[in-house]
Amino acid sequence: QTVESRFEDTRVHVYYQPVGVVAALSPWNF
């Protein structure tokens, strides 16, 4: 997405990218 910056005449571009391996814990009850 492109969002307005707090600085005049500036836009911020947001790019979603994978961050790497996820270690997930799953409790016993669900």
ModelCIF file with pLDDT and N, C-alpha, C, O atoms, coordinates in Angstrom:
data_MODEL
#
_entry.id   MODEL 
#
_entity.id                         1 
_entity.type                       polymer 
_entity.pdbx_number_of_molecules   1 
#
_entity_poly.entity_id                      1 
_entity_poly.type                           'polypeptide(L)' 
_entity_poly.nstd_linkage                   no 
_entity_poly.nstd_monomer                   no 
_entity_poly.pdbx_seq_one_letter_code       QTVESRFEDTRVHVYYQPVGVVAALSPWNF 
_entity_poly.pdbx_seq_one_letter_code_can   QTVESRFEDTRVHVYYQPVGVVAALSPWNF 
_entity_poly.pdbx_strand_id                 A 
#
loop_
_entity_poly_seq.entity_id 
_entity_poly_seq.num 
_entity_poly_seq.mon_id 
_entity_poly_seq.hetero 
1 1  GLN n 
1 2  THR n 
1 3  VAL n 
1 4  GLU n 
1 5  SER n 
1 6  ARG n 
1 7  PHE n 
1 8  GLU n 
1 9  ASP n 
1 10 THR n 
1 11 ARG n 
1 12 VAL n 
1 13 HIS n 
1 14 VAL n 
1 15 TYR n 
1 16 TYR n 
1 17 GLN n 
1 18 PRO n 
1 19 VAL n 
1 20 GLY n 
1 21 VAL n 
1 22 VAL n 
1 23 ALA n 
1 24 ALA n 
1 25 LEU n 
1 26 SER n 
1 27 PRO n 
1 28 TRP n 
1 29 ASN n 
1 30 PHE n 
#
_struct_asym.id          A 
_struct_asym.entity_id   1 
#
loop_
_ma_qa_metric.id 
_ma_qa_metric.mode 
_ma_qa_metric.name 
_ma_qa_metric.software_group_id 
_ma_qa_metric.type 
1 global pLDDT . pLDDT 
2 local  pLDDT . pLDDT 
#
_ma_qa_metric_global.metric_id      1 
_ma_qa_metric_global.metric_value   89.30 
_ma_qa_metric_global.model_id       1 
_ma_qa_metric_global.ordinal_id     1 
#
loop_
_ma_qa_metric_local.label_asym_id 
_ma_qa_metric_local.label_comp_id 
_ma_qa_metric_local.label_seq_id 
_ma_qa_metric_local.metric_id 
_ma_qa_metric_local.metric_value 
_ma_qa_metric_local.model_id 
_ma_qa_metric_local.ordinal_id 
A GLN 1  2 87.00 1 1  
A THR 2  2 90.00 1 2  
A VAL 3  2 89.00 1 3  
A GLU 4  2 90.00 1 4  
A SER 5  2 90.00 1 5  
A ARG 6  2 92.00 1 6  
A PHE 7  2 92.00 1 7  
A GLU 8  2 90.00 1 8  
A ASP 9  2 89.00 1 9  
A THR 10 2 92.00 1 10 
A ARG 11 2 91.00 1 11 
A VAL 12 2 92.00 1 12 
A HIS 13 2 88.00 1 13 
A VAL 14 2 86.00 1 14 
A TYR 15 2 83.00 1 15 
A TYR 16 2 84.00 1 16 
A GLN 17 2 88.00 1 17 
A PRO 18 2 92.00 1 18 
A VAL 19 2 92.00 1 19 
A GLY 20 2 95.00 1 20 
A VAL 21 2 96.00 1 21 
A VAL 22 2 95.00 1 22 
A ALA 23 2 93.00 1 23 
A ALA 24 2 93.00 1 24 
A LEU 25 2 91.00 1 25 
A SER 26 2 87.00 1 26 
A PRO 27 2 80.00 1 27 
A TRP 28 2 79.00 1 28 
A ASN 29 2 83.00 1 29 
A PHE 30 2 90.00 1 30 
#
loop_
_atom_site.group_PDB 
_atom_site.id 
_atom_site.type_symbol 
_atom_site.label_atom_id 
_atom_site.label_alt_id 
_atom_site.label_comp_id 
_atom_site.label_asym_id 
_atom_site.label_entity_id 
_atom_site.label_seq_id 
_atom_site.pdbx_PDB_ins_code 
_atom_site.Cartn_x 
_atom_site.Cartn_y 
_atom_site.Cartn_z 
_atom_site.occupancy 
_atom_site.B_iso_or_equiv 
_atom_site.pdbx_formal_charge 
_atom_site.auth_seq_id 
_atom_site.auth_comp_id 
_atom_site.auth_asym_id 
_atom_site.auth_atom_id 
_atom_site.pdbx_PDB_model_num 
ATOM 1   N N  . GLN A 1 1  ? 0.844  -1.191  0.000  1.00 87.00 ? 1  GLN A N  1 
ATOM 2   C CA . GLN A 1 1  ? 0.000  0.000   0.000  1.00 87.00 ? 1  GLN A CA 1 
ATOM 3   C C  . GLN A 1 1  ? 0.878  1.239   0.000  1.00 87.00 ? 1  GLN A C  1 
ATOM 4   O O  . GLN A 1 1  ? 2.044  1.200   0.391  1.00 87.00 ? 1  GLN A O  1 
ATOM 5   N N  . THR A 1 2  ? 0.301  2.315   -0.438 1.00 90.00 ? 2  THR A N  1 
ATOM 6   C CA . THR A 1 2  ? 0.989  3.600   -0.408 1.00 90.00 ? 2  THR A CA 1 
ATOM 7   C C  . THR A 1 2  ? 0.233  4.490   0.556  1.00 90.00 ? 2  THR A C  1 
ATOM 8   O O  . THR A 1 2  ? -0.984 4.647   0.449  1.00 90.00 ? 2  THR A O  1 
ATOM 9   N N  . VAL A 1 3  ? 0.958  5.072   1.497  1.00 89.00 ? 3  VAL A N  1 
ATOM 10  C CA . VAL A 1 3  ? 0.328  5.930   2.504  1.00 89.00 ? 3  VAL A CA 1 
ATOM 11  C C  . VAL A 1 3  ? 1.038  7.285   2.539  1.00 89.00 ? 3  VAL A C  1 
ATOM 12  O O  . VAL A 1 3  ? 2.192  7.415   2.133  1.00 89.00 ? 3  VAL A O  1 
ATOM 13  N N  . GLU A 1 4  ? 0.329  8.264   3.025  1.00 90.00 ? 4  GLU A N  1 
ATOM 14  C CA . GLU A 1 4  ? 0.898  9.601   3.173  1.00 90.00 ? 4  GLU A CA 1 
ATOM 15  C C  . GLU A 1 4  ? 1.947  9.592   4.278  1.00 90.00 ? 4  GLU A C  1 
ATOM 16  O O  . GLU A 1 4  ? 1.794  8.903   5.287  1.00 90.00 ? 4  GLU A O  1 
ATOM 17  N N  . SER A 1 5  ? 2.981  10.341  4.084  1.00 90.00 ? 5  SER A N  1 
ATOM 18  C CA . SER A 1 5  ? 4.010  10.493  5.091  1.00 90.00 ? 5  SER A CA 1 
ATOM 19  C C  . SER A 1 5  ? 3.727  11.740  5.916  1.00 90.00 ? 5  SER A C  1 
ATOM 20  O O  . SER A 1 5  ? 2.900  12.569  5.535  1.00 90.00 ? 5  SER A O  1 
ATOM 21  N N  . ARG A 1 6  ? 4.389  11.867  7.004  1.00 92.00 ? 6  ARG A N  1 
ATOM 22  C CA . ARG A 1 6  ? 4.244  13.092  7.783  1.00 92.00 ? 6  ARG A CA 1 
ATOM 23  C C  . ARG A 1 6  ? 5.046  14.225  7.155  1.00 92.00 ? 6  ARG A C  1 
ATOM 24  O O  . ARG A 1 6  ? 4.908  15.385  7.545  1.00 92.00 ? 6  ARG A O  1 
ATOM 25  N N  . PHE A 1 7  ? 5.889  13.879  6.176  1.00 92.00 ? 7  PHE A N  1 
ATOM 26  C CA . PHE A 1 7  ? 6.676  14.894  5.486  1.00 92.00 ? 7  PHE A CA 1 
ATOM 27  C C  . PHE A 1 7  ? 5.974  15.321  4.198  1.00 92.00 ? 7  PHE A C  1 
ATOM 28  O O  . PHE A 1 7  ? 5.437  14.483  3.474  1.00 92.00 ? 7  PHE A O  1 
ATOM 29  N N  . GLU A 1 8  ? 5.978  16.576  3.923  1.00 90.00 ? 8  GLU A N  1 
ATOM 30  C CA . GLU A 1 8  ? 5.318  17.125  2.743  1.00 90.00 ? 8  GLU A CA 1 
ATOM 31  C C  . GLU A 1 8  ? 5.911  16.525  1.463  1.00 90.00 ? 8  GLU A C  1 
ATOM 32  O O  . GLU A 1 8  ? 7.118  16.305  1.369  1.00 90.00 ? 8  GLU A O  1 
ATOM 33  N N  . ASP A 1 9  ? 5.049  16.267  0.490  1.00 89.00 ? 9  ASP A N  1 
ATOM 34  C CA . ASP A 1 9  ? 5.447  15.723  -0.817 1.00 89.00 ? 9  ASP A CA 1 
ATOM 35  C C  . ASP A 1 9  ? 6.169  14.381  -0.716 1.00 89.00 ? 9  ASP A C  1 
ATOM 36  O O  . ASP A 1 9  ? 7.024  14.070  -1.546 1.00 89.00 ? 9  ASP A O  1 
ATOM 37  N N  . THR A 1 10 ? 5.833  13.599  0.280  1.00 92.00 ? 10 THR A N  1 
ATOM 38  C CA . THR A 1 10 ? 6.469  12.290  0.471  1.00 92.00 ? 10 THR A CA 1 
ATOM 39  C C  . THR A 1 10 ? 5.395  11.233  0.678  1.00 92.00 ? 10 THR A C  1 
ATOM 40  O O  . THR A 1 10 ? 4.415  11.445  1.392  1.00 92.00 ? 10 THR A O  1 
ATOM 41  N N  . ARG A 1 11 ? 5.600  10.113  0.049  1.00 91.00 ? 11 ARG A N  1 
ATOM 42  C CA . ARG A 1 11 ? 4.711  8.980   0.226  1.00 91.00 ? 11 ARG A CA 1 
ATOM 43  C C  . ARG A 1 11 ? 5.536  7.794   0.750  1.00 91.00 ? 11 ARG A C  1 
ATOM 44  O O  . ARG A 1 11 ? 6.732  7.688   0.479  1.00 91.00 ? 11 ARG A O  1 
ATOM 45  N N  . VAL A 1 12 ? 4.892  6.928   1.487  1.00 92.00 ? 12 VAL A N  1 
ATOM 46  C CA . VAL A 1 12 ? 5.548  5.739   2.024  1.00 92.00 ? 12 VAL A CA 1 
ATOM 47  C C  . VAL A 1 12 ? 4.939  4.526   1.318  1.00 92.00 ? 12 VAL A C  1 
ATOM 48  O O  . VAL A 1 12 ? 3.718  4.380   1.257  1.00 92.00 ? 12 VAL A O  1 
ATOM 49  N N  . HIS A 1 13 ? 5.797  3.669   0.793  1.00 88.00 ? 13 HIS A N  1 
ATOM 50  C CA . HIS A 1 13 ? 5.343  2.436   0.142  1.00 88.00 ? 13 HIS A CA 1 
ATOM 51  C C  . HIS A 1 13 ? 5.599  1.270   1.092  1.00 88.00 ? 13 HIS A C  1 
ATOM 52  O O  . HIS A 1 13 ? 6.711  1.080   1.586  1.00 88.00 ? 13 HIS A O  1 
ATOM 53  N N  . VAL A 1 14 ? 4.551  0.500   1.335  1.00 86.00 ? 14 VAL A N  1 
ATOM 54  C CA . VAL A 1 14 ? 4.637  -0.660  2.225  1.00 86.00 ? 14 VAL A CA 1 
ATOM 55  C C  . VAL A 1 14 ? 4.582  -1.915  1.361  1.00 86.00 ? 14 VAL A C  1 
ATOM 56  O O  . VAL A 1 14 ? 3.672  -2.085  0.549  1.00 86.00 ? 14 VAL A O  1 
ATOM 57  N N  . TYR A 1 15 ? 5.568  -2.791  1.546  1.00 83.00 ? 15 TYR A N  1 
ATOM 58  C CA . TYR A 1 15 ? 5.617  -4.051  0.829  1.00 83.00 ? 15 TYR A CA 1 
ATOM 59  C C  . TYR A 1 15 ? 5.590  -5.178  1.855  1.00 83.00 ? 15 TYR A C  1 
ATOM 60  O O  . TYR A 1 15 ? 6.385  -5.193  2.795  1.00 83.00 ? 15 TYR A O  1 
ATOM 61  N N  . TYR A 1 16 ? 4.673  -6.115  1.668  1.00 84.00 ? 16 TYR A N  1 
ATOM 62  C CA . TYR A 1 16 ? 4.597  -7.255  2.576  1.00 84.00 ? 16 TYR A CA 1 
ATOM 63  C C  . TYR A 1 16 ? 5.452  -8.383  2.024  1.00 84.00 ? 16 TYR A C  1 
ATOM 64  O O  . TYR A 1 16 ? 5.285  -8.802  0.879  1.00 84.00 ? 16 TYR A O  1 
ATOM 65  N N  . GLN A 1 17 ? 6.373  -8.871  2.852  1.00 88.00 ? 17 GLN A N  1 
ATOM 66  C CA . GLN A 1 17 ? 7.275  -9.929  2.447  1.00 88.00 ? 17 GLN A CA 1 
ATOM 67  C C  . GLN A 1 17 ? 7.400  -10.951 3.575  1.00 88.00 ? 17 GLN A C  1 
ATOM 68  O O  . GLN A 1 17 ? 7.294  -10.602 4.750  1.00 88.00 ? 17 GLN A O  1 
ATOM 69  N N  . PRO A 1 18 ? 7.626  -12.218 3.212  1.00 92.00 ? 18 PRO A N  1 
ATOM 70  C CA . PRO A 1 18 ? 7.841  -13.234 4.248  1.00 92.00 ? 18 PRO A CA 1 
ATOM 71  C C  . PRO A 1 18 ? 9.045  -12.866 5.109  1.00 92.00 ? 18 PRO A C  1 
ATOM 72  O O  . PRO A 1 18 ? 10.042 -12.343 4.611  1.00 92.00 ? 18 PRO A O  1 
ATOM 73  N N  . VAL A 1 19 ? 8.941  -13.148 6.410  1.00 92.00 ? 19 VAL A N  1 
ATOM 74  C CA . VAL A 1 19 ? 10.026 -12.794 7.329  1.00 92.00 ? 19 VAL A CA 1 
ATOM 75  C C  . VAL A 1 19 ? 10.940 -13.970 7.640  1.00 92.00 ? 19 VAL A C  1 
ATOM 76  O O  . VAL A 1 19 ? 12.038 -13.765 8.157  1.00 92.00 ? 19 VAL A O  1 
ATOM 77  N N  . GLY A 1 20 ? 10.524 -15.184 7.343  1.00 95.00 ? 20 GLY A N  1 
ATOM 78  C CA . GLY A 1 20 ? 11.365 -16.347 7.625  1.00 95.00 ? 20 GLY A CA 1 
ATOM 79  C C  . GLY A 1 20 ? 10.604 -17.446 8.321  1.00 95.00 ? 20 GLY A C  1 
ATOM 80  O O  . GLY A 1 20 ? 9.373  -17.468 8.312  1.00 95.00 ? 20 GLY A O  1 
ATOM 81  N N  . VAL A 1 21 ? 11.336 -18.350 8.919  1.00 96.00 ? 21 VAL A N  1 
ATOM 82  C CA . VAL A 1 21 ? 10.756 -19.520 9.588  1.00 96.00 ? 21 VAL A CA 1 
ATOM 83  C C  . VAL A 1 21 ? 9.972  -19.077 10.827 1.00 96.00 ? 21 VAL A C  1 
ATOM 84  O O  . VAL A 1 21 ? 10.433 -18.243 11.606 1.00 96.00 ? 21 VAL A O  1 
ATOM 85  N N  . VAL A 1 22 ? 8.792  -19.645 10.989 1.00 95.00 ? 22 VAL A N  1 
ATOM 86  C CA . VAL A 1 22 ? 7.958  -19.383 12.160 1.00 95.00 ? 22 VAL A CA 1 
ATOM 87  C C  . VAL A 1 22 ? 8.000  -20.613 13.063 1.00 95.00 ? 22 VAL A C  1 
ATOM 88  O O  . VAL A 1 22 ? 7.748  -21.729 12.609 1.00 95.00 ? 22 VAL A O  1 
ATOM 89  N N  . ALA A 1 23 ? 8.315  -20.411 14.323 1.00 93.00 ? 23 ALA A N  1 
ATOM 90  C CA . ALA A 1 23 ? 8.228  -21.483 15.318 1.00 93.00 ? 23 ALA A CA 1 
ATOM 91  C C  . ALA A 1 23 ? 6.916  -21.279 16.063 1.00 93.00 ? 23 ALA A C  1 
ATOM 92  O O  . ALA A 1 23 ? 6.719  -20.252 16.711 1.00 93.00 ? 23 ALA A O  1 
ATOM 93  N N  . ALA A 1 24 ? 6.026  -22.248 15.971 1.00 93.00 ? 24 ALA A N  1 
ATOM 94  C CA . ALA A 1 24 ? 4.699  -22.133 16.565 1.00 93.00 ? 24 ALA A CA 1 
ATOM 95  C C  . ALA A 1 24 ? 4.505  -23.198 17.639 1.00 93.00 ? 24 ALA A C  1 
ATOM 96  O O  . ALA A 1 24 ? 4.884  -24.355 17.459 1.00 93.00 ? 24 ALA A O  1 
ATOM 97  N N  . LEU A 1 25 ? 3.921  -22.795 18.738 1.00 91.00 ? 25 LEU A N  1 
ATOM 98  C CA . LEU A 1 25 ? 3.617  -23.720 19.827 1.00 91.00 ? 25 LEU A CA 1 
ATOM 99  C C  . LEU A 1 25 ? 2.119  -23.986 19.851 1.00 91.00 ? 25 LEU A C  1 
ATOM 100 O O  . LEU A 1 25 ? 1.310  -23.067 19.726 1.00 91.00 ? 25 LEU A O  1 
ATOM 101 N N  . SER A 1 26 ? 1.768  -25.232 20.010 1.00 87.00 ? 26 SER A N  1 
ATOM 102 C CA . SER A 1 26 ? 0.369  -25.611 20.078 1.00 87.00 ? 26 SER A CA 1 
ATOM 103 C C  . SER A 1 26 ? 0.088  -26.245 21.434 1.00 87.00 ? 26 SER A C  1 
ATOM 104 O O  . SER A 1 26 ? 0.665  -27.283 21.758 1.00 87.00 ? 26 SER A O  1 
ATOM 105 N N  . PRO A 1 27 ? -0.788 -25.640 22.230 1.00 80.00 ? 27 PRO A N  1 
ATOM 106 C CA . PRO A 1 27 ? -1.087 -26.235 23.533 1.00 80.00 ? 27 PRO A CA 1 
ATOM 107 C C  . PRO A 1 27 ? -1.900 -27.525 23.388 1.00 80.00 ? 27 PRO A C  1 
ATOM 108 O O  . PRO A 1 27 ? -2.464 -27.808 22.331 1.00 80.00 ? 27 PRO A O  1 
ATOM 109 N N  . TRP A 1 28 ? -1.943 -28.273 24.445 1.00 79.00 ? 28 TRP A N  1 
ATOM 110 C CA . TRP A 1 28 ? -2.565 -29.600 24.418 1.00 79.00 ? 28 TRP A CA 1 
ATOM 111 C C  . TRP A 1 28 ? -4.076 -29.570 24.323 1.00 79.00 ? 28 TRP A C  1 
ATOM 112 O O  . TRP A 1 28 ? -4.663 -30.531 23.826 1.00 79.00 ? 28 TRP A O  1 
ATOM 113 N N  . ASN A 1 29 ? -4.739 -28.509 24.778 1.00 83.00 ? 29 ASN A N  1 
ATOM 114 C CA . ASN A 1 29 ? -6.195 -28.560 24.922 1.00 83.00 ? 29 ASN A CA 1 
ATOM 115 C C  . ASN A 1 29 ? -6.982 -28.236 23.649 1.00 83.00 ? 29 ASN A C  1 
ATOM 116 O O  . ASN A 1 29 ? -8.133 -28.657 23.533 1.00 83.00 ? 29 ASN A O  1 
ATOM 117 N N  . PHE A 1 30 ? -6.408 -27.509 22.698 1.00 90.00 ? 30 PHE A N  1 
ATOM 118 C CA . PHE A 1 30 ? -7.064 -27.228 21.424 1.00 90.00 ? 30 PHE A CA 1 
ATOM 119 C C  . PHE A 1 30 ? -6.034 -27.340 20.297 1.00 90.00 ? 30 PHE A C  1 
ATOM 120 O O  . PHE A 1 30 ? -6.371 -27.142 19.129 1.00 90.00 ? 30 PHE A O  1 
#
